[in-house]
Amino acid sequence: MKRVILAGVSALAVMTMMSAANAADLPRRHAQMPVKAPEYVAPYNWTGLYAGINGGGAWGRSSWSATSTDFDTSGGVVGGTLGYNWQTGPAVFGVEGDVDWSGIKGSGTCAGLSCETKNDWLGTFRGRIGYAFNRVMPYVTGGLAVGNVKASTSLGSNDETRAGWTLGGGIEANIIGPWSAKVEYLYADLGKTTCSACVAGGTDVDFHTNIVRAGVNYRF
Protein backbone atom coordinates (compact mmCIF):
# COMPACT_ATOMS: atom_id res chain seq x y z
CA MET A 1 0.00 0.00 0.00
CA LYS A 2 2.85 2.33 0.88
CA ARG A 3 4.42 1.59 -2.51
CA VAL A 4 1.22 2.63 -4.27
CA ILE A 5 1.00 5.88 -2.29
CA LEU A 6 4.67 6.68 -2.91
CA ALA A 7 4.24 5.96 -6.61
CA GLY A 8 1.23 8.31 -6.77
CA VAL A 9 3.04 11.08 -4.94
CA SER A 10 6.06 10.69 -7.24
CA ALA A 11 3.87 10.84 -10.35
CA LEU A 12 2.09 13.97 -9.07
CA ALA A 13 5.43 15.65 -8.37
CA VAL A 14 6.71 14.83 -11.87
CA MET A 15 3.54 16.25 -13.49
CA THR A 16 3.78 19.42 -11.41
CA MET A 17 7.42 19.95 -12.44
CA MET A 18 6.59 19.35 -16.13
CA SER A 19 3.70 21.91 -15.97
CA ALA A 20 5.98 24.51 -14.40
CA ALA A 21 8.62 23.92 -17.07
CA ASN A 22 6.07 24.26 -19.88
CA ALA A 23 4.76 27.50 -18.35
CA ALA A 24 8.29 28.87 -18.18
CA ASP A 25 8.75 28.12 -21.88
CA LEU A 26 5.68 30.17 -22.91
CA PRO A 27 6.50 33.60 -24.43
CA ARG A 28 5.78 36.52 -22.18
CA ARG A 29 2.88 38.78 -23.17
CA HIS A 30 3.83 42.28 -24.15
CA ALA A 31 2.44 44.96 -21.88
CA GLN A 32 -0.43 46.89 -23.56
CA MET A 33 0.36 50.46 -24.46
CA PRO A 34 -1.98 53.01 -22.88
CA VAL A 35 -4.57 54.38 -25.34
CA LYS A 36 -4.83 58.18 -25.48
CA ALA A 37 -8.38 59.49 -25.19
CA PRO A 38 -9.56 61.59 -28.18
CA GLU A 39 -9.18 65.33 -27.67
CA TYR A 40 -12.39 67.02 -26.57
CA VAL A 41 -13.80 69.54 -29.04
CA ALA A 42 -16.41 71.91 -27.64
CA PRO A 43 -19.61 72.42 -29.70
CA TYR A 44 -19.62 75.57 -31.84
CA ASN A 45 -21.59 78.46 -30.34
CA TRP A 46 -23.28 81.02 -32.63
CA THR A 47 -23.83 83.68 -29.96
CA GLY A 48 -22.23 87.05 -30.64
CA LEU A 49 -21.85 90.08 -32.88
CA TYR A 50 -20.82 89.64 -36.51
CA ALA A 51 -20.20 91.71 -39.64
CA GLY A 52 -19.71 90.71 -43.25
CA ILE A 53 -20.22 91.25 -46.94
CA ASN A 54 -22.78 89.82 -49.35
CA GLY A 55 -23.46 89.75 -53.06
CA GLY A 56 -25.65 88.04 -55.62
CA GLY A 57 -28.36 88.51 -58.20
CA ALA A 58 -32.06 89.36 -58.37
CA TRP A 59 -35.01 88.98 -60.72
CA GLY A 60 -38.65 90.06 -60.60
CA ARG A 61 -41.51 91.94 -62.28
CA SER A 62 -42.68 95.55 -62.43
CA SER A 63 -46.23 96.62 -63.31
CA TRP A 64 -47.40 100.01 -64.62
CA SER A 65 -51.11 100.28 -63.82
CA ALA A 66 -52.14 103.07 -66.24
CA THR A 67 -50.88 101.22 -69.29
CA SER A 68 -51.40 97.62 -68.05
CA THR A 69 -47.74 96.95 -68.78
CA ASP A 70 -45.65 94.27 -67.07
CA PHE A 71 -41.99 93.57 -67.72
CA ASP A 72 -39.11 91.67 -66.14
CA THR A 73 -36.47 93.25 -63.93
CA SER A 74 -33.06 91.84 -63.04
CA GLY A 75 -29.61 92.85 -61.83
CA GLY A 76 -26.91 92.38 -59.23
CA VAL A 77 -26.62 93.39 -55.57
CA VAL A 78 -23.57 93.81 -53.30
CA GLY A 79 -23.20 95.29 -49.84
CA GLY A 80 -22.49 94.91 -46.14
CA THR A 81 -24.12 93.02 -43.25
CA LEU A 82 -24.25 93.52 -39.46
CA GLY A 83 -26.01 91.22 -36.99
CA TYR A 84 -26.17 89.51 -33.61
CA ASN A 85 -27.11 85.95 -32.57
CA TRP A 86 -28.29 84.40 -29.30
CA GLN A 87 -28.04 80.61 -28.99
CA THR A 88 -29.95 78.52 -26.46
CA GLY A 89 -29.54 74.78 -26.93
CA PRO A 90 -29.69 74.14 -30.68
CA ALA A 91 -32.02 77.13 -31.27
CA VAL A 92 -30.45 80.35 -32.57
CA PHE A 93 -32.28 83.69 -32.52
CA GLY A 94 -30.85 86.76 -34.20
CA VAL A 95 -31.31 90.15 -35.79
CA GLU A 96 -29.59 91.16 -39.01
CA GLY A 97 -29.41 94.29 -41.12
CA ASP A 98 -27.82 94.97 -44.50
CA VAL A 99 -27.57 97.70 -47.11
CA ASP A 100 -26.78 96.80 -50.73
CA TRP A 101 -26.02 98.70 -53.87
CA SER A 102 -28.52 97.45 -56.45
CA GLY A 103 -28.48 97.31 -60.22
CA ILE A 104 -31.99 95.82 -60.53
CA LYS A 105 -33.89 97.32 -63.46
CA GLY A 106 -36.14 96.54 -66.41
CA SER A 107 -37.90 98.30 -69.24
CA GLY A 108 -40.87 97.96 -71.56
CA THR A 109 -43.24 99.97 -73.76
CA CYS A 110 -45.95 101.98 -71.97
CA ALA A 111 -48.52 103.75 -74.16
CA GLY A 112 -45.99 104.07 -76.98
CA LEU A 113 -43.25 105.32 -74.66
CA SER A 114 -40.16 103.50 -73.45
CA CYS A 115 -40.59 103.07 -69.68
CA GLU A 116 -38.14 101.85 -67.05
CA THR A 117 -38.30 100.75 -63.42
CA LYS A 118 -35.02 100.83 -61.49
CA ASN A 119 -33.79 100.11 -57.98
CA ASP A 120 -30.43 101.71 -56.98
CA TRP A 121 -30.18 100.54 -53.35
CA LEU A 122 -31.91 98.05 -51.10
CA GLY A 123 -31.70 97.49 -47.36
CA THR A 124 -33.32 95.01 -44.99
CA PHE A 125 -33.72 94.69 -41.22
CA ARG A 126 -34.77 91.17 -40.30
CA GLY A 127 -35.18 88.65 -37.54
CA ARG A 128 -33.61 85.21 -37.95
CA ILE A 129 -34.51 81.87 -36.39
CA GLY A 130 -32.08 79.01 -36.94
CA TYR A 131 -31.39 75.47 -35.78
CA ALA A 132 -27.73 74.69 -35.14
CA PHE A 133 -26.32 71.33 -36.19
CA ASN A 134 -23.07 72.27 -34.43
CA ARG A 135 -21.24 74.28 -37.15
CA VAL A 136 -24.07 74.28 -39.72
CA MET A 137 -27.23 76.35 -39.25
CA PRO A 138 -30.26 76.46 -41.58
CA TYR A 139 -32.55 79.42 -40.83
CA VAL A 140 -35.66 81.36 -41.81
CA THR A 141 -35.72 85.15 -41.87
CA GLY A 142 -38.11 88.04 -42.42
CA GLY A 143 -38.78 91.67 -41.67
CA LEU A 144 -38.50 95.17 -43.13
CA ALA A 145 -37.26 96.03 -46.65
CA VAL A 146 -36.38 99.59 -47.69
CA GLY A 147 -35.15 100.90 -51.03
CA ASN A 148 -35.73 103.37 -53.80
CA VAL A 149 -38.02 102.80 -56.79
CA LYS A 150 -37.33 104.99 -59.81
CA ALA A 151 -39.90 105.09 -62.62
CA SER A 152 -39.14 107.03 -65.80
CA THR A 153 -40.14 107.70 -69.40
CA SER A 154 -39.13 110.39 -71.89
CA LEU A 155 -41.88 112.58 -70.39
CA GLY A 156 -40.65 112.53 -66.81
CA SER A 157 -39.64 110.45 -63.82
CA ASN A 158 -40.16 109.85 -60.12
CA ASP A 159 -37.60 108.52 -57.61
CA GLU A 160 -39.06 107.55 -54.22
CA THR A 161 -37.79 105.70 -51.16
CA ARG A 162 -40.24 102.94 -50.31
CA ALA A 163 -40.67 100.67 -47.26
CA GLY A 164 -42.01 97.15 -47.66
CA TRP A 165 -41.34 93.65 -46.42
CA THR A 166 -39.06 90.69 -47.04
CA LEU A 167 -39.16 86.97 -46.29
CA GLY A 168 -36.78 84.11 -47.00
CA GLY A 169 -34.32 81.57 -45.66
CA GLY A 170 -30.83 80.22 -46.00
CA ILE A 171 -28.02 78.16 -44.53
CA GLU A 172 -24.86 79.34 -42.79
CA ALA A 173 -21.77 77.29 -41.84
CA ASN A 174 -18.64 77.97 -39.84
CA ILE A 175 -15.67 77.49 -42.17
CA ILE A 176 -12.62 78.34 -40.02
CA GLY A 177 -12.09 80.18 -36.74
CA PRO A 178 -14.49 83.14 -36.51
CA TRP A 179 -15.38 83.01 -40.23
CA SER A 180 -18.66 81.67 -41.59
CA ALA A 181 -20.23 81.56 -45.06
CA LYS A 182 -23.90 81.65 -46.04
CA VAL A 183 -26.24 81.28 -48.99
CA GLU A 184 -29.74 82.74 -48.76
CA TYR A 185 -32.91 83.56 -50.69
CA LEU A 186 -35.06 86.65 -50.03
CA TYR A 187 -38.31 87.85 -51.54
CA ALA A 188 -38.63 91.64 -51.22
CA ASP A 189 -41.71 93.76 -51.98
CA LEU A 190 -41.43 97.57 -51.92
CA GLY A 191 -45.06 98.17 -52.85
CA LYS A 192 -46.12 100.90 -55.30
CA THR A 193 -44.85 104.34 -56.16
CA THR A 194 -46.80 106.94 -58.18
CA CYS A 195 -45.26 108.71 -61.15
CA SER A 196 -47.49 111.60 -62.24
CA ALA A 197 -45.10 112.76 -64.96
CA CYS A 198 -44.35 109.41 -66.58
CA VAL A 199 -47.53 109.10 -68.68
CA ALA A 200 -50.64 111.19 -69.25
CA GLY A 201 -52.80 110.98 -66.12
CA GLY A 202 -50.01 109.40 -64.07
CA THR A 203 -49.46 105.76 -63.13
CA ASP A 204 -48.71 103.50 -60.20
CA VAL A 205 -45.52 101.46 -60.50
CA ASP A 206 -44.86 98.45 -58.29
CA PHE A 207 -41.58 96.71 -57.48
CA HIS A 208 -40.96 93.23 -56.10
CA THR A 209 -37.95 91.01 -56.55
CA ASN A 210 -36.36 87.64 -55.75
CA ILE A 211 -32.80 87.75 -54.43
CA VAL A 212 -30.26 84.94 -54.22
CA ARG A 213 -26.97 85.92 -52.63
CA ALA A 214 -23.94 84.54 -50.81
CA GLY A 215 -22.07 86.12 -47.93
CA VAL A 216 -19.09 85.83 -45.61
CA ASN A 217 -19.32 86.88 -41.94
CA TYR A 218 -16.73 87.48 -39.21
CA ARG A 219 -17.73 86.87 -35.58
CA PHE A 220 -16.24 89.10 -32.89
C-alpha atoms as a PDB file:
ATOM      1  CA  MET A   1       0.000   0.000   0.000  1.00  0.00           C
ATOM      2  CA  LYS A   2       2.852   2.328   0.877  1.00  0.00           C
ATOM      3  CA  ARG A   3       4.423   1.592  -2.506  1.00  0.00           C
ATOM      4  CA  VAL A   4       1.219   2.635  -4.275  1.00  0.00           C
ATOM      5  CA  ILE A   5       1.003   5.885  -2.291  1.00  0.00           C
ATOM      6  CA  LEU A   6       4.666   6.681  -2.913  1.00  0.00           C
ATOM      7  CA  ALA A   7       4.244   5.964  -6.609  1.00  0.00           C
ATOM      8  CA  GLY A   8       1.234   8.306  -6.774  1.00  0.00           C
ATOM      9  CA  VAL A   9       3.040  11.079  -4.944  1.00  0.00           C
ATOM     10  CA  SER A  10       6.056  10.692  -7.243  1.00  0.00           C
ATOM     11  CA  ALA A  11       3.867  10.836 -10.351  1.00  0.00           C
ATOM     12  CA  LEU A  12       2.091  13.969  -9.068  1.00  0.00           C
ATOM     13  CA  ALA A  13       5.427  15.648  -8.372  1.00  0.00           C
ATOM     14  CA  VAL A  14       6.712  14.826 -11.872  1.00  0.00           C
ATOM     15  CA  MET A  15       3.536  16.246 -13.490  1.00  0.00           C
ATOM     16  CA  THR A  16       3.781  19.415 -11.405  1.00  0.00           C
ATOM     17  CA  MET A  17       7.421  19.946 -12.439  1.00  0.00           C
ATOM     18  CA  MET A  18       6.587  19.349 -16.126  1.00  0.00           C
ATOM     19  CA  SER A  19       3.696  21.912 -15.971  1.00  0.00           C
ATOM     20  CA  ALA A  20       5.980  24.507 -14.398  1.00  0.00           C
ATOM     21  CA  ALA A  21       8.618  23.918 -17.065  1.00  0.00           C
ATOM     22  CA  ASN A  22       6.073  24.263 -19.878  1.00  0.00           C
ATOM     23  CA  ALA A  23       4.763  27.503 -18.347  1.00  0.00           C
ATOM     24  CA  ALA A  24       8.290  28.873 -18.181  1.00  0.00           C
ATOM     25  CA  ASP A  25       8.752  28.125 -21.883  1.00  0.00           C
ATOM     26  CA  LEU A  26       5.676  30.167 -22.906  1.00  0.00           C
ATOM     27  CA  PRO A  27       6.501  33.604 -24.428  1.00  0.00           C
ATOM     28  CA  ARG A  28       5.778  36.524 -22.181  1.00  0.00           C
ATOM     29  CA  ARG A  29       2.885  38.777 -23.173  1.00  0.00           C
ATOM     30  CA  HIS A  30       3.825  42.278 -24.152  1.00  0.00           C
ATOM     31  CA  ALA A  31       2.442  44.959 -21.877  1.00  0.00           C
ATOM     32  CA  GLN A  32      -0.434  46.890 -23.556  1.00  0.00           C
ATOM     33  CA  MET A  33       0.364  50.465 -24.464  1.00  0.00           C
ATOM     34  CA  PRO A  34      -1.979  53.008 -22.875  1.00  0.00           C
ATOM     35  CA  VAL A  35      -4.572  54.381 -25.344  1.00  0.00           C
ATOM     36  CA  LYS A  36      -4.830  58.176 -25.476  1.00  0.00           C
ATOM     37  CA  ALA A  37      -8.376  59.493 -25.193  1.00  0.00           C
ATOM     38  CA  PRO A  38      -9.563  61.593 -28.181  1.00  0.00           C
ATOM     39  CA  GLU A  39      -9.175  65.327 -27.672  1.00  0.00           C
ATOM     40  CA  TYR A  40     -12.395  67.022 -26.566  1.00  0.00           C
ATOM     41  CA  VAL A  41     -13.799  69.539 -29.038  1.00  0.00           C
ATOM     42  CA  ALA A  42     -16.408  71.909 -27.637  1.00  0.00           C
ATOM     43  CA  PRO A  43     -19.610  72.423 -29.698  1.00  0.00           C
ATOM     44  CA  TYR A  44     -19.620  75.566 -31.836  1.00  0.00           C
ATOM     45  CA  ASN A  45     -21.592  78.459 -30.342  1.00  0.00           C
ATOM     46  CA  TRP A  46     -23.282  81.015 -32.629  1.00  0.00           C
ATOM     47  CA  THR A  47     -23.828  83.680 -29.955  1.00  0.00           C
ATOM     48  CA  GLY A  48     -22.228  87.048 -30.643  1.00  0.00           C
ATOM     49  CA  LEU A  49     -21.851  90.079 -32.880  1.00  0.00           C
ATOM     50  CA  TYR A  50     -20.821  89.640 -36.509  1.00  0.00           C
ATOM     51  CA  ALA A  51     -20.199  91.715 -39.638  1.00  0.00           C
ATOM     52  CA  GLY A  52     -19.708  90.715 -43.250  1.00  0.00           C
ATOM     53  CA  ILE A  53     -20.222  91.255 -46.942  1.00  0.00           C
ATOM     54  CA  ASN A  54     -22.782  89.817 -49.347  1.00  0.00           C
ATOM     55  CA  GLY A  55     -23.459  89.749 -53.060  1.00  0.00           C
ATOM     56  CA  GLY A  56     -25.650  88.038 -55.620  1.00  0.00           C
ATOM     57  CA  GLY A  57     -28.357  88.509 -58.204  1.00  0.00           C
ATOM     58  CA  ALA A  58     -32.060  89.357 -58.372  1.00  0.00           C
ATOM     59  CA  TRP A  59     -35.009  88.977 -60.719  1.00  0.00           C
ATOM     60  CA  GLY A  60     -38.650  90.058 -60.597  1.00  0.00           C
ATOM     61  CA  ARG A  61     -41.507  91.940 -62.278  1.00  0.00           C
ATOM     62  CA  SER A  62     -42.679  95.547 -62.431  1.00  0.00           C
ATOM     63  CA  SER A  63     -46.229  96.621 -63.307  1.00  0.00           C
ATOM     64  CA  TRP A  64     -47.402 100.008 -64.622  1.00  0.00           C
ATOM     65  CA  SER A  65     -51.107 100.283 -63.815  1.00  0.00           C
ATOM     66  CA  ALA A  66     -52.144 103.072 -66.241  1.00  0.00           C
ATOM     67  CA  THR A  67     -50.881 101.216 -69.288  1.00  0.00           C
ATOM     68  CA  SER A  68     -51.404  97.622 -68.050  1.00  0.00           C
ATOM     69  CA  THR A  69     -47.743  96.950 -68.776  1.00  0.00           C
ATOM     70  CA  ASP A  70     -45.653  94.271 -67.069  1.00  0.00           C
ATOM     71  CA  PHE A  71     -41.990  93.573 -67.715  1.00  0.00           C
ATOM     72  CA  ASP A  72     -39.108  91.669 -66.143  1.00  0.00           C
ATOM     73  CA  THR A  73     -36.475  93.252 -63.933  1.00  0.00           C
ATOM     74  CA  SER A  74     -33.059  91.839 -63.038  1.00  0.00           C
ATOM     75  CA  GLY A  75     -29.615  92.847 -61.830  1.00  0.00           C
ATOM     76  CA  GLY A  76     -26.911  92.382 -59.228  1.00  0.00           C
ATOM     77  CA  VAL A  77     -26.617  93.387 -55.568  1.00  0.00           C
ATOM     78  CA  VAL A  78     -23.574  93.807 -53.301  1.00  0.00           C
ATOM     79  CA  GLY A  79     -23.203  95.290 -49.838  1.00  0.00           C
ATOM     80  CA  GLY A  80     -22.488  94.908 -46.141  1.00  0.00           C
ATOM     81  CA  THR A  81     -24.123  93.022 -43.249  1.00  0.00           C
ATOM     82  CA  LEU A  82     -24.246  93.524 -39.463  1.00  0.00           C
ATOM     83  CA  GLY A  83     -26.008  91.222 -36.993  1.00  0.00           C
ATOM     84  CA  TYR A  84     -26.172  89.515 -33.609  1.00  0.00           C
ATOM     85  CA  ASN A  85     -27.112  85.955 -32.573  1.00  0.00           C
ATOM     86  CA  TRP A  86     -28.294  84.402 -29.300  1.00  0.00           C
ATOM     87  CA  GLN A  87     -28.038  80.613 -28.987  1.00  0.00           C
ATOM     88  CA  THR A  88     -29.953  78.523 -26.460  1.00  0.00           C
ATOM     89  CA  GLY A  89     -29.537  74.785 -26.930  1.00  0.00           C
ATOM     90  CA  PRO A  90     -29.693  74.136 -30.681  1.00  0.00           C
ATOM     91  CA  ALA A  91     -32.015  77.128 -31.270  1.00  0.00           C
ATOM     92  CA  VAL A  92     -30.446  80.348 -32.571  1.00  0.00           C
ATOM     93  CA  PHE A  93     -32.282  83.687 -32.519  1.00  0.00           C
ATOM     94  CA  GLY A  94     -30.854  86.762 -34.204  1.00  0.00           C
ATOM     95  CA  VAL A  95     -31.312  90.150 -35.793  1.00  0.00           C
ATOM     96  CA  GLU A  96     -29.590  91.160 -39.012  1.00  0.00           C
ATOM     97  CA  GLY A  97     -29.414  94.289 -41.121  1.00  0.00           C
ATOM     98  CA  ASP A  98     -27.824  94.967 -44.500  1.00  0.00           C
ATOM     99  CA  VAL A  99     -27.570  97.701 -47.107  1.00  0.00           C
ATOM    100  CA  ASP A 100     -26.780  96.804 -50.735  1.00  0.00           C
ATOM    101  CA  TRP A 101     -26.017  98.704 -53.870  1.00  0.00           C
ATOM    102  CA  SER A 102     -28.523  97.451 -56.445  1.00  0.00           C
ATOM    103  CA  GLY A 103     -28.482  97.312 -60.220  1.00  0.00           C
ATOM    104  CA  ILE A 104     -31.994  95.823 -60.526  1.00  0.00           C
ATOM    105  CA  LYS A 105     -33.889  97.325 -63.456  1.00  0.00           C
ATOM    106  CA  GLY A 106     -36.139  96.538 -66.407  1.00  0.00           C
ATOM    107  CA  SER A 107     -37.899  98.299 -69.245  1.00  0.00           C
ATOM    108  CA  GLY A 108     -40.873  97.961 -71.556  1.00  0.00           C
ATOM    109  CA  THR A 109     -43.239  99.971 -73.761  1.00  0.00           C
ATOM    110  CA  CYS A 110     -45.946 101.976 -71.966  1.00  0.00           C
ATOM    111  CA  ALA A 111     -48.518 103.750 -74.164  1.00  0.00           C
ATOM    112  CA  GLY A 112     -45.991 104.068 -76.977  1.00  0.00           C
ATOM    113  CA  LEU A 113     -43.249 105.320 -74.658  1.00  0.00           C
ATOM    114  CA  SER A 114     -40.159 103.501 -73.447  1.00  0.00           C
ATOM    115  CA  CYS A 115     -40.593 103.069 -69.677  1.00  0.00           C
ATOM    116  CA  GLU A 116     -38.136 101.853 -67.054  1.00  0.00           C
ATOM    117  CA  THR A 117     -38.303 100.747 -63.421  1.00  0.00           C
ATOM    118  CA  LYS A 118     -35.022 100.827 -61.495  1.00  0.00           C
ATOM    119  CA  ASN A 119     -33.786 100.113 -57.980  1.00  0.00           C
ATOM    120  CA  ASP A 120     -30.434 101.712 -56.975  1.00  0.00           C
ATOM    121  CA  TRP A 121     -30.183 100.540 -53.355  1.00  0.00           C
ATOM    122  CA  LEU A 122     -31.906  98.045 -51.102  1.00  0.00           C
ATOM    123  CA  GLY A 123     -31.699  97.487 -47.357  1.00  0.00           C
ATOM    124  CA  THR A 124     -33.319  95.007 -44.988  1.00  0.00           C
ATOM    125  CA  PHE A 125     -33.721  94.692 -41.216  1.00  0.00           C
ATOM    126  CA  ARG A 126     -34.771  91.168 -40.302  1.00  0.00           C
ATOM    127  CA  GLY A 127     -35.176  88.647 -37.541  1.00  0.00           C
ATOM    128  CA  ARG A 128     -33.610  85.209 -37.948  1.00  0.00           C
ATOM    129  CA  ILE A 129     -34.509  81.868 -36.385  1.00  0.00           C
ATOM    130  CA  GLY A 130     -32.081  79.008 -36.940  1.00  0.00           C
ATOM    131  CA  TYR A 131     -31.392  75.468 -35.778  1.00  0.00           C
ATOM    132  CA  ALA A 132     -27.729  74.690 -35.142  1.00  0.00           C
ATOM    133  CA  PHE A 133     -26.315  71.326 -36.187  1.00  0.00           C
ATOM    134  CA  ASN A 134     -23.070  72.269 -34.429  1.00  0.00           C
ATOM    135  CA  ARG A 135     -21.240  74.278 -37.148  1.00  0.00           C
ATOM    136  CA  VAL A 136     -24.067  74.279 -39.719  1.00  0.00           C
ATOM    137  CA  MET A 137     -27.235  76.346 -39.255  1.00  0.00           C
ATOM    138  CA  PRO A 138     -30.261  76.465 -41.577  1.00  0.00           C
ATOM    139  CA  TYR A 139     -32.546  79.419 -40.834  1.00  0.00           C
ATOM    140  CA  VAL A 140     -35.660  81.356 -41.810  1.00  0.00           C
ATOM    141  CA  THR A 141     -35.721  85.149 -41.869  1.00  0.00           C
ATOM    142  CA  GLY A 142     -38.113  88.037 -42.419  1.00  0.00           C
ATOM    143  CA  GLY A 143     -38.780  91.670 -41.667  1.00  0.00           C
ATOM    144  CA  LEU A 144     -38.502  95.168 -43.131  1.00  0.00           C
ATOM    145  CA  ALA A 145     -37.261  96.027 -46.646  1.00  0.00           C
ATOM    146  CA  VAL A 146     -36.381  99.587 -47.693  1.00  0.00           C
ATOM    147  CA  GLY A 147     -35.151 100.895 -51.031  1.00  0.00           C
ATOM    148  CA  ASN A 148     -35.734 103.369 -53.802  1.00  0.00           C
ATOM    149  CA  VAL A 149     -38.016 102.803 -56.787  1.00  0.00           C
ATOM    150  CA  LYS A 150     -37.331 104.994 -59.806  1.00  0.00           C
ATOM    151  CA  ALA A 151     -39.903 105.086 -62.616  1.00  0.00           C
ATOM    152  CA  SER A 152     -39.137 107.030 -65.797  1.00  0.00           C
ATOM    153  CA  THR A 153     -40.137 107.697 -69.403  1.00  0.00           C
ATOM    154  CA  SER A 154     -39.129 110.390 -71.886  1.00  0.00           C
ATOM    155  CA  LEU A 155     -41.877 112.576 -70.395  1.00  0.00           C
ATOM    156  CA  GLY A 156     -40.651 112.528 -66.811  1.00  0.00           C
ATOM    157  CA  SER A 157     -39.636 110.446 -63.824  1.00  0.00           C
ATOM    158  CA  ASN A 158     -40.155 109.847 -60.115  1.00  0.00           C
ATOM    159  CA  ASP A 159     -37.599 108.518 -57.605  1.00  0.00           C
ATOM    160  CA  GLU A 160     -39.059 107.553 -54.219  1.00  0.00           C
ATOM    161  CA  THR A 161     -37.791 105.695 -51.157  1.00  0.00           C
ATOM    162  CA  ARG A 162     -40.243 102.940 -50.305  1.00  0.00           C
ATOM    163  CA  ALA A 163     -40.670 100.673 -47.262  1.00  0.00           C
ATOM    164  CA  GLY A 164     -42.014  97.148 -47.660  1.00  0.00           C
ATOM    165  CA  TRP A 165     -41.343  93.646 -46.419  1.00  0.00           C
ATOM    166  CA  THR A 166     -39.058  90.694 -47.044  1.00  0.00           C
ATOM    167  CA  LEU A 167     -39.160  86.972 -46.285  1.00  0.00           C
ATOM    168  CA  GLY A 168     -36.778  84.115 -46.995  1.00  0.00           C
ATOM    169  CA  GLY A 169     -34.321  81.571 -45.659  1.00  0.00           C
ATOM    170  CA  GLY A 170     -30.826  80.215 -46.002  1.00  0.00           C
ATOM    171  CA  ILE A 171     -28.017  78.161 -44.531  1.00  0.00           C
ATOM    172  CA  GLU A 172     -24.856  79.341 -42.794  1.00  0.00           C
ATOM    173  CA  ALA A 173     -21.773  77.293 -41.840  1.00  0.00           C
ATOM    174  CA  ASN A 174     -18.637  77.970 -39.836  1.00  0.00           C
ATOM    175  CA  ILE A 175     -15.666  77.490 -42.167  1.00  0.00           C
ATOM    176  CA  ILE A 176     -12.619  78.344 -40.023  1.00  0.00           C
ATOM    177  CA  GLY A 177     -12.089  80.177 -36.740  1.00  0.00           C
ATOM    178  CA  PRO A 178     -14.486  83.138 -36.508  1.00  0.00           C
ATOM    179  CA  TRP A 179     -15.376  83.010 -40.232  1.00  0.00           C
ATOM    180  CA  SER A 180     -18.658  81.668 -41.594  1.00  0.00           C
ATOM    181  CA  ALA A 181     -20.228  81.563 -45.057  1.00  0.00           C
ATOM    182  CA  LYS A 182     -23.898  81.647 -46.035  1.00  0.00           C
ATOM    183  CA  VAL A 183     -26.239  81.282 -48.994  1.00  0.00           C
ATOM    184  CA  GLU A 184     -29.742  82.744 -48.757  1.00  0.00           C
ATOM    185  CA  TYR A 185     -32.907  83.559 -50.692  1.00  0.00           C
ATOM    186  CA  LEU A 186     -35.060  86.654 -50.027  1.00  0.00           C
ATOM    187  CA  TYR A 187     -38.311  87.851 -51.539  1.00  0.00           C
ATOM    188  CA  ALA A 188     -38.634  91.645 -51.223  1.00  0.00           C
ATOM    189  CA  ASP A 189     -41.710  93.764 -51.977  1.00  0.00           C
ATOM    190  CA  LEU A 190     -41.434  97.571 -51.919  1.00  0.00           C
ATOM    191  CA  GLY A 191     -45.059  98.166 -52.846  1.00  0.00           C
ATOM    192  CA  LYS A 192     -46.115 100.899 -55.303  1.00  0.00           C
ATOM    193  CA  THR A 193     -44.852 104.344 -56.163  1.00  0.00           C
ATOM    194  CA  THR A 194     -46.800 106.940 -58.179  1.00  0.00           C
ATOM    195  CA  CYS A 195     -45.263 108.711 -61.150  1.00  0.00           C
ATOM    196  CA  SER A 196     -47.494 111.602 -62.238  1.00  0.00           C
ATOM    197  CA  ALA A 197     -45.101 112.762 -64.964  1.00  0.00           C
ATOM    198  CA  CYS A 198     -44.346 109.411 -66.582  1.00  0.00           C
ATOM    199  CA  VAL A 199     -47.527 109.101 -68.684  1.00  0.00           C
ATOM    200  CA  ALA A 200     -50.638 111.185 -69.245  1.00  0.00           C
ATOM    201  CA  GLY A 201     -52.802 110.980 -66.118  1.00  0.00           C
ATOM    202  CA  GLY A 202     -50.008 109.397 -64.070  1.00  0.00           C
ATOM    203  CA  THR A 203     -49.456 105.759 -63.131  1.00  0.00           C
ATOM    204  CA  ASP A 204     -48.711 103.496 -60.196  1.00  0.00           C
ATOM    205  CA  VAL A 205     -45.517 101.457 -60.500  1.00  0.00           C
ATOM    206  CA  ASP A 206     -44.860  98.452 -58.291  1.00  0.00           C
ATOM    207  CA  PHE A 207     -41.580  96.711 -57.483  1.00  0.00           C
ATOM    208  CA  HIS A 208     -40.958  93.233 -56.097  1.00  0.00           C
ATOM    209  CA  THR A 209     -37.946  91.009 -56.554  1.00  0.00           C
ATOM    210  CA  ASN A 210     -36.363  87.641 -55.751  1.00  0.00           C
ATOM    211  CA  ILE A 211     -32.800  87.750 -54.431  1.00  0.00           C
ATOM    212  CA  VAL A 212     -30.262  84.941 -54.217  1.00  0.00           C
ATOM    213  CA  ARG A 213     -26.969  85.915 -52.631  1.00  0.00           C
ATOM    214  CA  ALA A 214     -23.943  84.537 -50.813  1.00  0.00           C
ATOM    215  CA  GLY A 215     -22.074  86.116 -47.935  1.00  0.00           C
ATOM    216  CA  VAL A 216     -19.087  85.833 -45.615  1.00  0.00           C
ATOM    217  CA  ASN A 217     -19.324  86.877 -41.939  1.00  0.00           C
ATOM    218  CA  TYR A 218     -16.733  87.477 -39.208  1.00  0.00           C
ATOM    219  CA  ARG A 219     -17.732  86.871 -35.579  1.00  0.00           C
ATOM    220  CA  PHE A 220     -16.241  89.101 -32.895  1.00  0.00           C
END
